[in-house]
Amino acid sequence: MGFDTLDGLRALLAEMPGADSAAAEGAAARNGQLTKPPGALGRLEDLAQWYASWRGDPQPVLEAPQVIVFAGNHGVAARGVSAFPPEVTVQMVANFEHGGAAINQLAKTFGARMDVVPLDLDRPTEDFTQGPAMSEADVVAALRAGWDAVDVAADLLVVGEMGIGNTTSASAIAVALFGGAAADWTGRGTGVEGDALSAKTQVVADGLARHGEAGDGLDVLMRLGGRELAGMAGAVARARSLRIPVILDGFICTAAAACLARTTPGALDHCVAGHLSAEGAHGRMLEALDKAPLLQLGLRLGEGSGAALAIGVLKGAVACHSGMATFAEAGVAAG
């Protein structure tokens, strides 16, 4: 299974599998018999049943999570939209590869395999205020890199990113997908404030003025996105084809995934939001996608860090659902 064009991916998205209704019913029945008052585990109960429905098993286990960090460089970074220079992307990829970043520690803590996928770091995307950020060939190559990076043996996926300038790209995508003004969706990113934030907002507005005729979510991704955003979108799509549940990270990851949702309704049904980022517009984006975050810790690092923390929440939900005794097994009266 694969694709060589955006239309090829559109066709695949339209034919993706859904959740397993029999597993969902079985998980709900089991949940009703566990040794606890009804609803006592709150959202953990819903999470476990959601996970079971996508894995096709009413009593699943979660043993092989995968974290993939995609890295890309943005031509729009030359317009001074970040507090850091583009060289930091390459330096952070080396840090990921040597195990020195926050995401490395979190992946290790929750038993996740971690992969790093740098995408043409010596060839930034084009400045989207002047034309499309990527050609169709470029965006398809990045989408395919994400698609191919998913381990078919994984039972949970987290995708993260690194790319100087990518909050600017994500902000422009958000305006194109959800409407409103550039100022509604443009935040501090790496820490820009004052005149620098105003200039960043103007760059987003200029990009929207250039690409106001953009089509569906994949077209928006090509025009305003970056290779690492496309990589994340490709991985999320591949996970859906394999019925691997996904935990979404912060603002940039959610913007990338939203491109799928705005191409095919329901494309993110296999995804939950790991956390609410401190990047101001993330909450608005999650509301638009009807995704309630699992955690709210003031994080704005990226790398997949918030989603990786949420692996622990989902592991706890699945462990309780599948490992707890039923009333019958425990010899406890159900009341």
C-alpha atoms as a PDB file:
ATOM      1  CA  MET A   1       0.000   0.000   0.000  1.00  0.00           C
ATOM      2  CA  GLY A   2       1.342   3.419  -0.893  1.00  0.00           C
ATOM      3  CA  PHE A   3       0.867   6.541  -2.986  1.00  0.00           C
ATOM      4  CA  ASP A   4       2.855   8.615  -5.446  1.00  0.00           C
ATOM      5  CA  THR A   5       0.597  11.685  -5.701  1.00  0.00           C
ATOM      6  CA  LEU A   6      -1.636  13.725  -3.438  1.00  0.00           C
ATOM      7  CA  ASP A   7      -4.647  12.302  -5.235  1.00  0.00           C
ATOM      8  CA  GLY A   8      -3.335   8.833  -4.430  1.00  0.00           C
ATOM      9  CA  LEU A   9      -3.237   9.707  -0.735  1.00  0.00           C
ATOM     10  CA  ARG A  10      -6.700  11.263  -0.964  1.00  0.00           C
ATOM     11  CA  ALA A  11      -8.003   7.967  -2.333  1.00  0.00           C
ATOM     12  CA  LEU A  12      -6.350   6.011   0.497  1.00  0.00           C
ATOM     13  CA  LEU A  13      -7.757   8.370   3.149  1.00  0.00           C
ATOM     14  CA  ALA A  14     -11.254   7.844   1.777  1.00  0.00           C
ATOM     15  CA  GLU A  15     -10.914   4.053   2.170  1.00  0.00           C
ATOM     16  CA  MET A  16      -9.275   3.843   5.612  1.00  0.00           C
ATOM     17  CA  PRO A  17     -10.603   1.273   8.085  1.00  0.00           C
ATOM     18  CA  GLY A  18     -12.732   2.279  11.042  1.00  0.00           C
ATOM     19  CA  ALA A  19     -12.875   1.063  14.600  1.00  0.00           C
ATOM     20  CA  ASP A  20     -13.904  -2.516  15.323  1.00  0.00           C
ATOM     21  CA  SER A  21     -17.483  -2.382  16.607  1.00  0.00           C
ATOM     22  CA  ALA A  22     -17.405  -5.920  18.038  1.00  0.00           C
ATOM     23  CA  ALA A  23     -14.278  -5.113  20.054  1.00  0.00           C
ATOM     24  CA  ALA A  24     -15.890  -1.875  21.232  1.00  0.00           C
ATOM     25  CA  GLU A  25     -18.968  -3.749  22.432  1.00  0.00           C
ATOM     26  CA  GLY A  26     -16.841  -6.386  24.139  1.00  0.00           C
ATOM     27  CA  ALA A  27     -14.737  -3.744  25.863  1.00  0.00           C
ATOM     28  CA  ALA A  28     -17.845  -1.914  27.065  1.00  0.00           C
ATOM     29  CA  ALA A  29     -19.272  -5.159  28.457  1.00  0.00           C
ATOM     30  CA  ARG A  30     -16.014  -5.942  30.250  1.00  0.00           C
ATOM     31  CA  ASN A  31     -15.806  -2.415  31.660  1.00  0.00           C
ATOM     32  CA  GLY A  32     -19.255  -2.851  33.151  1.00  0.00           C
ATOM     33  CA  GLN A  33     -18.119  -5.953  35.060  1.00  0.00           C
ATOM     34  CA  LEU A  34     -14.837  -4.681  36.519  1.00  0.00           C
ATOM     35  CA  THR A  35     -14.406  -4.446  40.301  1.00  0.00           C
ATOM     36  CA  LYS A  36     -15.205  -0.753  40.677  1.00  0.00           C
ATOM     37  CA  PRO A  37     -18.275   1.458  40.882  1.00  0.00           C
ATOM     38  CA  PRO A  38     -19.620   2.435  37.437  1.00  0.00           C
ATOM     39  CA  GLY A  39     -17.605   5.320  35.997  1.00  0.00           C
ATOM     40  CA  ALA A  40     -15.183   5.400  38.928  1.00  0.00           C
ATOM     41  CA  LEU A  41     -12.134   5.552  36.657  1.00  0.00           C
ATOM     42  CA  GLY A  42     -13.571   8.478  34.732  1.00  0.00           C
ATOM     43  CA  ARG A  43     -11.997   9.170  31.387  1.00  0.00           C
ATOM     44  CA  LEU A  44      -9.635   6.217  31.740  1.00  0.00           C
ATOM     45  CA  GLU A  45     -12.615   3.970  31.028  1.00  0.00           C
ATOM     46  CA  ASP A  46     -13.437   5.763  27.784  1.00  0.00           C
ATOM     47  CA  LEU A  47      -9.786   5.735  26.724  1.00  0.00           C
ATOM     48  CA  ALA A  48      -9.421   2.006  27.284  1.00  0.00           C
ATOM     49  CA  GLN A  49     -12.556   1.241  25.303  1.00  0.00           C
ATOM     50  CA  TRP A  50     -11.459   3.564  22.489  1.00  0.00           C
ATOM     51  CA  TYR A  51      -8.070   1.860  22.389  1.00  0.00           C
ATOM     52  CA  ALA A  52      -9.681  -1.591  22.372  1.00  0.00           C
ATOM     53  CA  SER A  53     -11.913  -0.636  19.445  1.00  0.00           C
ATOM     54  CA  TRP A  54      -8.954   0.367  17.285  1.00  0.00           C
ATOM     55  CA  ARG A  55      -6.841  -2.643  18.222  1.00  0.00           C
ATOM     56  CA  GLY A  56      -9.747  -5.015  17.578  1.00  0.00           C
ATOM     57  CA  ASP A  57      -9.399  -6.628  20.998  1.00  0.00           C
ATOM     58  CA  PRO A  58     -11.860  -6.157  23.885  1.00  0.00           C
ATOM     59  CA  GLN A  59      -9.066  -6.912  26.379  1.00  0.00           C
ATOM     60  CA  PRO A  60      -5.979  -5.360  24.746  1.00  0.00           C
ATOM     61  CA  VAL A  61      -2.436  -4.821  25.943  1.00  0.00           C
ATOM     62  CA  LEU A  62      -0.224  -1.830  25.174  1.00  0.00           C
ATOM     63  CA  GLU A  63       3.376  -3.003  24.916  1.00  0.00           C
ATOM     64  CA  ALA A  64       5.049  -1.495  21.853  1.00  0.00           C
ATOM     65  CA  PRO A  65       4.608   2.289  21.562  1.00  0.00           C
ATOM     66  CA  GLN A  66       6.631   4.129  18.934  1.00  0.00           C
ATOM     67  CA  VAL A  67       7.743   7.770  18.989  1.00  0.00           C
ATOM     68  CA  ILE A  68       8.888   9.341  15.701  1.00  0.00           C
ATOM     69  CA  VAL A  69      10.427  12.820  15.581  1.00  0.00           C
ATOM     70  CA  PHE A  70      10.519  14.454  12.149  1.00  0.00           C
ATOM     71  CA  ALA A  71      12.822  17.383  11.385  1.00  0.00           C
ATOM     72  CA  GLY A  72      12.675  19.918   8.572  1.00  0.00           C
ATOM     73  CA  ASN A  73      13.834  23.426   7.715  1.00  0.00           C
ATOM     74  CA  HIS A  74      11.644  26.309   6.570  1.00  0.00           C
ATOM     75  CA  GLY A  75      12.452  28.983   4.032  1.00  0.00           C
ATOM     76  CA  VAL A  76      10.197  31.399   5.891  1.00  0.00           C
ATOM     77  CA  ALA A  77      12.654  31.287   8.827  1.00  0.00           C
ATOM     78  CA  ALA A  78      14.799  33.750   6.869  1.00  0.00           C
ATOM     79  CA  ARG A  79      12.150  36.374   7.619  1.00  0.00           C
ATOM     80  CA  GLY A  80      13.104  36.383  11.319  1.00  0.00           C
ATOM     81  CA  VAL A  81      10.048  34.545  12.663  1.00  0.00           C
ATOM     82  CA  SER A  82      11.998  32.579  15.298  1.00  0.00           C
ATOM     83  CA  ALA A  83      14.228  33.448  18.225  1.00  0.00           C
ATOM     84  CA  PHE A  84      16.679  30.774  17.025  1.00  0.00           C
ATOM     85  CA  PRO A  85      18.592  30.335  13.747  1.00  0.00           C
ATOM     86  CA  PRO A  86      17.861  27.437  11.356  1.00  0.00           C
ATOM     87  CA  GLU A  87      21.155  25.777  12.298  1.00  0.00           C
ATOM     88  CA  VAL A  88      19.505  24.703  15.560  1.00  0.00           C
ATOM     89  CA  THR A  89      17.415  22.139  13.663  1.00  0.00           C
ATOM     90  CA  VAL A  90      20.524  20.200  12.622  1.00  0.00           C
ATOM     91  CA  GLN A  91      22.027  20.519  16.095  1.00  0.00           C
ATOM     92  CA  MET A  92      18.874  19.215  17.768  1.00  0.00           C
ATOM     93  CA  VAL A  93      18.673  16.244  15.384  1.00  0.00           C
ATOM     94  CA  ALA A  94      22.162  15.283  16.570  1.00  0.00           C
ATOM     95  CA  ASN A  95      20.962  15.674  20.151  1.00  0.00           C
ATOM     96  CA  PHE A  96      17.983  13.372  19.468  1.00  0.00           C
ATOM     97  CA  GLU A  97      20.251  10.813  17.859  1.00  0.00           C
ATOM     98  CA  HIS A  98      22.582  10.851  20.871  1.00  0.00           C
ATOM     99  CA  GLY A  99      19.757  10.536  23.389  1.00  0.00           C
ATOM    100  CA  GLY A 100      20.142  13.965  24.958  1.00  0.00           C
ATOM    101  CA  ALA A 101      16.748  15.604  24.433  1.00  0.00           C
ATOM    102  CA  ALA A 102      13.664  15.646  26.619  1.00  0.00           C
ATOM    103  CA  ILE A 103      11.809  13.335  24.230  1.00  0.00           C
ATOM    104  CA  ASN A 104      14.544  10.711  24.563  1.00  0.00           C
ATOM    105  CA  GLN A 105      14.020  10.602  28.314  1.00  0.00           C
ATOM    106  CA  LEU A 106      10.245  10.413  28.033  1.00  0.00           C
ATOM    107  CA  ALA A 107      10.315   7.703  25.373  1.00  0.00           C
ATOM    108  CA  LYS A 108      12.667   5.656  27.553  1.00  0.00           C
ATOM    109  CA  THR A 109      10.504   6.204  30.628  1.00  0.00           C
ATOM    110  CA  PHE A 110       7.395   4.822  28.936  1.00  0.00           C
ATOM    111  CA  GLY A 111       9.098   2.005  27.041  1.00  0.00           C
ATOM    112  CA  ALA A 112       8.712   3.518  23.584  1.00  0.00           C
ATOM    113  CA  ARG A 113      10.891   2.869  20.577  1.00  0.00           C
ATOM    114  CA  MET A 114      12.144   6.233  19.291  1.00  0.00           C
ATOM    115  CA  ASP A 115      13.060   7.082  15.712  1.00  0.00           C
ATOM    116  CA  VAL A 116      14.383  10.341  14.244  1.00  0.00           C
ATOM    117  CA  VAL A 117      13.653  11.222  10.618  1.00  0.00           C
ATOM    118  CA  PRO A 118      15.501  14.292   9.254  1.00  0.00           C
ATOM    119  CA  LEU A 119      13.997  15.483   5.974  1.00  0.00           C
ATOM    120  CA  ASP A 120      16.298  17.298   3.535  1.00  0.00           C
ATOM    121  CA  LEU A 121      17.690  19.634   6.195  1.00  0.00           C
ATOM    122  CA  ASP A 122      20.100  21.124   3.672  1.00  0.00           C
ATOM    123  CA  ARG A 123      17.160  22.101   1.452  1.00  0.00           C
ATOM    124  CA  PRO A 124      14.660  24.330   3.283  1.00  0.00           C
ATOM    125  CA  THR A 125      11.144  24.705   1.982  1.00  0.00           C
ATOM    126  CA  GLU A 126      10.378  27.819  -0.035  1.00  0.00           C
ATOM    127  CA  ASP A 127       9.219  31.034   1.643  1.00  0.00           C
ATOM    128  CA  PHE A 128       5.442  30.582   1.544  1.00  0.00           C
ATOM    129  CA  THR A 129       4.866  34.322   1.284  1.00  0.00           C
ATOM    130  CA  GLN A 130       6.384  34.143  -2.202  1.00  0.00           C
ATOM    131  CA  GLY A 131       4.862  30.880  -3.462  1.00  0.00           C
ATOM    132  CA  PRO A 132       4.030  27.330  -2.338  1.00  0.00           C
ATOM    133  CA  ALA A 133       6.292  26.032   0.424  1.00  0.00           C
ATOM    134  CA  MET A 134       6.652  22.714  -1.414  1.00  0.00           C
ATOM    135  CA  SER A 135       6.052  21.256  -4.840  1.00  0.00           C
ATOM    136  CA  GLU A 136       3.724  18.275  -5.028  1.00  0.00           C
ATOM    137  CA  ALA A 137       6.755  16.013  -5.455  1.00  0.00           C
ATOM    138  CA  ASP A 138       8.346  17.449  -2.303  1.00  0.00           C
ATOM    139  CA  VAL A 139       5.273  17.150  -0.120  1.00  0.00           C
ATOM    140  CA  VAL A 140       4.537  13.635  -1.370  1.00  0.00           C
ATOM    141  CA  ALA A 141       8.134  12.599  -0.594  1.00  0.00           C
ATOM    142  CA  ALA A 142       7.788  13.923   2.959  1.00  0.00           C
ATOM    143  CA  LEU A 143       4.378  12.295   3.411  1.00  0.00           C
ATOM    144  CA  ARG A 144       5.814   9.004   2.178  1.00  0.00           C
ATOM    145  CA  ALA A 145       8.768   9.321   4.568  1.00  0.00           C
ATOM    146  CA  GLY A 146       6.274   9.573   7.418  1.00  0.00           C
ATOM    147  CA  TRP A 147       4.185   6.703   6.073  1.00  0.00           C
ATOM    148  CA  ASP A 148       7.240   4.454   5.772  1.00  0.00           C
ATOM    149  CA  ALA A 149       8.618   5.350   9.230  1.00  0.00           C
ATOM    150  CA  VAL A 150       5.753   3.687  11.117  1.00  0.00           C
ATOM    151  CA  ASP A 151       6.624   0.311  12.617  1.00  0.00           C
ATOM    152  CA  VAL A 152       3.883  -2.127  11.614  1.00  0.00           C
ATOM    153  CA  ALA A 153       4.432  -3.926  14.934  1.00  0.00           C
ATOM    154  CA  ALA A 154       3.739  -0.806  17.001  1.00  0.00           C
ATOM    155  CA  ASP A 155       0.548  -0.680  19.053  1.00  0.00           C
ATOM    156  CA  LEU A 156       0.607   3.085  19.695  1.00  0.00           C
ATOM    157  CA  LEU A 157       2.136   6.015  17.809  1.00  0.00           C
ATOM    158  CA  VAL A 158       3.374   9.426  18.933  1.00  0.00           C
ATOM    159  CA  VAL A 159       4.740  11.861  16.356  1.00  0.00           C
ATOM    160  CA  GLY A 160       6.798  14.945  17.139  1.00  0.00           C
ATOM    161  CA  GLU A 161       8.776  17.561  15.270  1.00  0.00           C
ATOM    162  CA  MET A 162      11.782  19.838  15.176  1.00  0.00           C
ATOM    163  CA  GLY A 163      12.082  22.716  12.730  1.00  0.00           C
ATOM    164  CA  ILE A 164      12.943  26.365  13.248  1.00  0.00           C
ATOM    165  CA  GLY A 165      10.044  28.417  11.853  1.00  0.00           C
ATOM    166  CA  ASN A 166       7.450  25.684  12.127  1.00  0.00           C
ATOM    167  CA  THR A 167       5.070  27.497  14.493  1.00  0.00           C
ATOM    168  CA  THR A 168       4.758  30.114  11.750  1.00  0.00           C
ATOM    169  CA  SER A 169       3.890  27.397   9.273  1.00  0.00           C
ATOM    170  CA  ALA A 170       1.408  25.814  11.695  1.00  0.00           C
ATOM    171  CA  SER A 171      -0.235  29.175  12.341  1.00  0.00           C
ATOM    172  CA  ALA A 172      -0.696  29.781   8.630  1.00  0.00           C
ATOM    173  CA  ILE A 173      -2.173  26.294   8.218  1.00  0.00           C
ATOM    174  CA  ALA A 174      -4.583  26.957  11.093  1.00  0.00           C
ATOM    175  CA  VAL A 175      -5.885  30.165   9.514  1.00  0.00           C
ATOM    176  CA  ALA A 176      -6.299  28.451   6.151  1.00  0.00           C
ATOM    177  CA  LEU A 177      -8.165  25.480   7.670  1.00  0.00           C
ATOM    178  CA  PHE A 178     -10.247  27.144  10.366  1.00  0.00           C
ATOM    179  CA  GLY A 179     -10.610  30.790   9.331  1.00  0.00           C
ATOM    180  CA  GLY A 180     -10.144  33.956  11.331  1.00  0.00           C
ATOM    181  CA  ALA A 181      -7.272  36.406  11.294  1.00  0.00           C
ATOM    182  CA  ALA A 182      -3.540  35.752  11.442  1.00  0.00           C
ATOM    183  CA  ALA A 183      -3.385  37.286  14.925  1.00  0.00           C
ATOM    184  CA  ASP A 184      -5.928  34.732  16.194  1.00  0.00           C
ATOM    185  CA  TRP A 185      -3.575  31.838  15.494  1.00  0.00           C
ATOM    186  CA  THR A 186      -0.037  33.251  15.740  1.00  0.00           C
ATOM    187  CA  GLY A 187       1.774  32.857  19.051  1.00  0.00           C
ATOM    188  CA  ARG A 188       5.177  33.215  20.669  1.00  0.00           C
ATOM    189  CA  GLY A 189       6.649  29.942  19.382  1.00  0.00           C
ATOM    190  CA  THR A 190      10.270  29.865  20.491  1.00  0.00           C
ATOM    191  CA  GLY A 191       9.730  33.038  22.529  1.00  0.00           C
ATOM    192  CA  VAL A 192       9.238  35.934  20.093  1.00  0.00           C
ATOM    193  CA  GLU A 193       7.468  38.956  21.580  1.00  0.00           C
ATOM    194  CA  GLY A 194       6.668  42.584  20.844  1.00  0.00           C
ATOM    195  CA  ASP A 195       7.703  43.795  17.414  1.00  0.00           C
ATOM    196  CA  ALA A 196       9.063  40.348  16.526  1.00  0.00           C
ATOM    197  CA  LEU A 197       5.659  38.767  17.212  1.00  0.00           C
ATOM    198  CA  SER A 198       3.959  41.461  15.143  1.00  0.00           C
ATOM    199  CA  ALA A 199       6.351  40.743  12.281  1.00  0.00           C
ATOM    200  CA  LYS A 200       5.691  37.006  12.589  1.00  0.00           C
ATOM    201  CA  THR A 201       1.941  37.629  12.470  1.00  0.00           C
ATOM    202  CA  GLN A 202       2.398  39.729   9.336  1.00  0.00           C
ATOM    203  CA  VAL A 203       4.319  36.899   7.685  1.00  0.00           C
ATOM    204  CA  VAL A 204       1.391  34.573   8.387  1.00  0.00           C
ATOM    205  CA  ALA A 205      -1.029  37.146   6.961  1.00  0.00           C
ATOM    206  CA  ASP A 206       1.145  37.546   3.859  1.00  0.00           C
ATOM    207  CA  GLY A 207       1.145  33.793   3.348  1.00  0.00           C
ATOM    208  CA  LEU A 208      -2.624  33.635   3.562  1.00  0.00           C
ATOM    209  CA  ALA A 209      -2.958  36.503   1.109  1.00  0.00           C
ATOM    210  CA  ARG A 210      -0.759  34.582  -1.318  1.00  0.00           C
ATOM    211  CA  HIS A 211      -2.594  31.253  -0.895  1.00  0.00           C
ATOM    212  CA  GLY A 212      -6.174  32.260  -0.206  1.00  0.00           C
ATOM    213  CA  GLU A 213      -7.331  29.978  -3.005  1.00  0.00           C
ATOM    214  CA  ALA A 214      -5.934  26.841  -1.315  1.00  0.00           C
ATOM    215  CA  GLY A 215      -8.086  23.728  -1.616  1.00  0.00           C
ATOM    216  CA  ASP A 216      -8.373  20.838   0.847  1.00  0.00           C
ATOM    217  CA  GLY A 217      -6.090  20.066   3.775  1.00  0.00           C
ATOM    218  CA  LEU A 218      -3.402  18.374   1.690  1.00  0.00           C
ATOM    219  CA  ASP A 219      -3.266  21.366  -0.637  1.00  0.00           C
ATOM    220  CA  VAL A 220      -2.905  23.656   2.380  1.00  0.00           C
ATOM    221  CA  LEU A 221      -0.114  21.432   3.693  1.00  0.00           C
ATOM    222  CA  MET A 222       1.754  21.701   0.394  1.00  0.00           C
ATOM    223  CA  ARG A 223       1.392  25.473   0.180  1.00  0.00           C
ATOM    224  CA  LEU A 224       1.984  26.506   3.801  1.00  0.00           C
ATOM    225  CA  GLY A 225       3.518  23.517   5.555  1.00  0.00           C
ATOM    226  CA  GLY A 226       6.947  22.020   6.012  1.00  0.00           C
ATOM    227  CA  ARG A 227       8.512  18.646   5.431  1.00  0.00           C
ATOM    228  CA  GLU A 228       8.340  17.691   9.105  1.00  0.00           C
ATOM    229  CA  LEU A 229       4.627  18.561   9.230  1.00  0.00           C
ATOM    230  CA  ALA A 230       4.044  16.441   6.132  1.00  0.00           C
ATOM    231  CA  GLY A 231       6.056  13.630   7.709  1.00  0.00           C
ATOM    232  CA  MET A 232       3.830  13.682  10.774  1.00  0.00           C
ATOM    233  CA  ALA A 233       0.685  13.708   8.633  1.00  0.00           C
ATOM    234  CA  GLY A 234       1.956  10.748   6.612  1.00  0.00           C
ATOM    235  CA  ALA A 235       2.717   8.775   9.764  1.00  0.00           C
ATOM    236  CA  VAL A 236      -0.710   9.505  11.262  1.00  0.00           C
ATOM    237  CA  ALA A 237      -2.348   8.318   8.037  1.00  0.00           C
ATOM    238  CA  ARG A 238      -0.267   5.138   7.971  1.00  0.00           C
ATOM    239  CA  ALA A 239      -1.176   4.426  11.579  1.00  0.00           C
ATOM    240  CA  ARG A 240      -4.847   4.641  10.631  1.00  0.00           C
ATOM    241  CA  SER A 241      -4.336   2.111   7.833  1.00  0.00           C
ATOM    242  CA  LEU A 242      -2.839  -0.278  10.424  1.00  0.00           C
ATOM    243  CA  ARG A 243      -5.406   0.525  13.143  1.00  0.00           C
ATOM    244  CA  ILE A 244      -2.637   1.866  15.379  1.00  0.00           C
ATOM    245  CA  PRO A 245      -3.998   4.479  17.807  1.00  0.00           C
ATOM    246  CA  VAL A 246      -2.197   7.842  17.849  1.00  0.00           C
ATOM    247  CA  ILE A 247      -1.569  10.394  20.590  1.00  0.00           C
ATOM    248  CA  LEU A 248      -1.265  13.876  19.092  1.00  0.00           C
ATOM    249  CA  ASP A 249       1.275  16.331  20.504  1.00  0.00           C
ATOM    250  CA  GLY A 250       1.008  20.112  20.544  1.00  0.00           C
ATOM    251  CA  PHE A 251       0.169  22.971  18.208  1.00  0.00           C
ATOM    252  CA  ILE A 252       2.398  21.992  15.287  1.00  0.00           C
ATOM    253  CA  CYS A 253       1.546  18.294  15.360  1.00  0.00           C
ATOM    254  CA  THR A 254      -2.163  19.096  15.628  1.00  0.00           C
ATOM    255  CA  ALA A 255      -1.952  21.481  12.657  1.00  0.00           C
ATOM    256  CA  ALA A 256      -0.328  18.743  10.574  1.00  0.00           C
ATOM    257  CA  ALA A 257      -2.986  16.212  11.571  1.00  0.00           C
ATOM    258  CA  ALA A 258      -5.755  18.734  10.927  1.00  0.00           C
ATOM    259  CA  CYS A 259      -4.740  18.730   7.272  1.00  0.00           C
ATOM    260  CA  LEU A 260      -5.913  15.113   7.133  1.00  0.00           C
ATOM    261  CA  ALA A 261      -9.159  15.914   8.941  1.00  0.00           C
ATOM    262  CA  ARG A 262      -9.905  18.731   6.509  1.00  0.00           C
ATOM    263  CA  THR A 263      -9.281  16.366   3.595  1.00  0.00           C
ATOM    264  CA  THR A 264     -11.383  13.411   4.785  1.00  0.00           C
ATOM    265  CA  PRO A 265     -13.925  13.721   7.625  1.00  0.00           C
ATOM    266  CA  GLY A 266     -13.183  11.305  10.452  1.00  0.00           C
ATOM    267  CA  ALA A 267      -9.531  10.906   9.453  1.00  0.00           C
ATOM    268  CA  LEU A 268      -8.466  11.509  13.072  1.00  0.00           C
ATOM    269  CA  ASP A 269     -10.928   9.182  14.800  1.00  0.00           C
ATOM    270  CA  HIS A 270      -7.973   6.979  15.789  1.00  0.00           C
ATOM    271  CA  CYS A 271      -6.268   9.917  17.527  1.00  0.00           C
ATOM    272  CA  VAL A 272      -6.489  11.499  20.969  1.00  0.00           C
ATOM    273  CA  ALA A 273      -4.923  14.786  22.050  1.00  0.00           C
ATOM    274  CA  GLY A 274      -2.074  14.189  24.464  1.00  0.00           C
ATOM    275  CA  HIS A 275      -1.977  17.613  26.060  1.00  0.00           C
ATOM    276  CA  LEU A 276      -2.926  21.270  25.818  1.00  0.00           C
ATOM    277  CA  SER A 277       0.114  23.268  24.775  1.00  0.00           C
ATOM    278  CA  ALA A 278       0.988  26.667  26.174  1.00  0.00           C
ATOM    279  CA  GLU A 279       1.012  27.910  22.572  1.00  0.00           C
ATOM    280  CA  GLY A 280      -2.112  30.048  22.778  1.00  0.00           C
ATOM    281  CA  ALA A 281      -4.095  28.855  19.775  1.00  0.00           C
ATOM    282  CA  HIS A 282      -3.688  25.142  20.445  1.00  0.00           C
ATOM    283  CA  GLY A 283      -6.828  24.966  22.558  1.00  0.00           C
ATOM    284  CA  ARG A 284      -8.867  26.625  19.824  1.00  0.00           C
ATOM    285  CA  MET A 285      -7.559  24.115  17.311  1.00  0.00           C
ATOM    286  CA  LEU A 286      -8.394  21.162  19.562  1.00  0.00           C
ATOM    287  CA  GLU A 287     -11.912  22.518  20.026  1.00  0.00           C
ATOM    288  CA  ALA A 288     -12.333  22.778  16.261  1.00  0.00           C
ATOM    289  CA  LEU A 289     -11.261  19.132  15.943  1.00  0.00           C
ATOM    290  CA  ASP A 290     -13.387  18.049  18.955  1.00  0.00           C
ATOM    291  CA  LYS A 291     -10.355  16.659  20.793  1.00  0.00           C
ATOM    292  CA  ALA A 292     -10.173  17.025  24.577  1.00  0.00           C
ATOM    293  CA  PRO A 293      -6.559  16.996  25.848  1.00  0.00           C
ATOM    294  CA  LEU A 294      -5.446  14.399  28.376  1.00  0.00           C
ATOM    295  CA  LEU A 295      -2.937  16.669  30.144  1.00  0.00           C
ATOM    296  CA  GLN A 296      -2.445  20.391  30.746  1.00  0.00           C
ATOM    297  CA  LEU A 297       1.058  21.073  32.019  1.00  0.00           C
ATOM    298  CA  GLY A 298       2.071  24.309  30.318  1.00  0.00           C
ATOM    299  CA  LEU A 299       4.384  22.539  27.850  1.00  0.00           C
ATOM    300  CA  ARG A 300       5.450  24.151  24.568  1.00  0.00           C
ATOM    301  CA  LEU A 301       8.603  22.234  23.704  1.00  0.00           C
ATOM    302  CA  GLY A 302       7.393  20.159  20.783  1.00  0.00           C
ATOM    303  CA  GLU A 303       9.424  17.018  19.979  1.00  0.00           C
ATOM    304  CA  GLY A 304       6.353  14.935  20.838  1.00  0.00           C
ATOM    305  CA  SER A 305       7.056  15.550  24.531  1.00  0.00           C
ATOM    306  CA  GLY A 306       3.503  16.180  25.733  1.00  0.00           C
ATOM    307  CA  ALA A 307       2.135  13.235  23.783  1.00  0.00           C
ATOM    308  CA  ALA A 308       4.906  10.996  25.114  1.00  0.00           C
ATOM    309  CA  LEU A 309       3.933  11.891  28.673  1.00  0.00           C
ATOM    310  CA  ALA A 310       0.370  10.901  27.825  1.00  0.00           C
ATOM    311  CA  ILE A 311       1.571   7.406  26.893  1.00  0.00           C
ATOM    312  CA  GLY A 312       1.609   6.802  30.638  1.00  0.00           C
ATOM    313  CA  VAL A 313      -2.038   7.836  30.940  1.00  0.00           C
ATOM    314  CA  LEU A 314      -3.106   5.526  28.135  1.00  0.00           C
ATOM    315  CA  LYS A 315      -0.976   2.671  29.475  1.00  0.00           C
ATOM    316  CA  GLY A 316      -2.671   3.101  32.839  1.00  0.00           C
ATOM    317  CA  ALA A 317      -6.113   3.069  31.243  1.00  0.00           C
ATOM    318  CA  VAL A 318      -5.409  -0.110  29.276  1.00  0.00           C
ATOM    319  CA  ALA A 319      -3.739  -1.836  32.240  1.00  0.00           C
ATOM    320  CA  CYS A 320      -6.729  -1.200  34.482  1.00  0.00           C
ATOM    321  CA  HIS A 321      -9.221  -2.271  31.825  1.00  0.00           C
ATOM    322  CA  SER A 322      -7.456  -5.476  30.851  1.00  0.00           C
ATOM    323  CA  GLY A 323      -5.793  -6.420  34.122  1.00  0.00           C
ATOM    324  CA  MET A 324      -8.479  -5.743  36.720  1.00  0.00           C
ATOM    325  CA  ALA A 325     -10.637  -8.646  37.828  1.00  0.00           C
ATOM    326  CA  THR A 326     -14.327  -8.742  37.062  1.00  0.00           C
ATOM    327  CA  PHE A 327     -16.769  -9.119  39.935  1.00  0.00           C
ATOM    328  CA  ALA A 328     -17.224 -12.775  39.015  1.00  0.00           C
ATOM    329  CA  GLU A 329     -13.489 -13.455  38.883  1.00  0.00           C
ATOM    330  CA  ALA A 330     -12.888 -11.767  42.224  1.00  0.00           C
ATOM    331  CA  GLY A 331     -15.878 -13.274  43.960  1.00  0.00           C
ATOM    332  CA  VAL A 332     -17.151  -9.800  44.817  1.00  0.00           C
ATOM    333  CA  ALA A 333     -20.837  -8.947  44.833  1.00  0.00           C
ATOM    334  CA  ALA A 334     -21.718  -6.551  42.049  1.00  0.00           C
ATOM    335  CA  GLY A 335     -24.287  -4.745  44.166  1.00  0.00           C
END
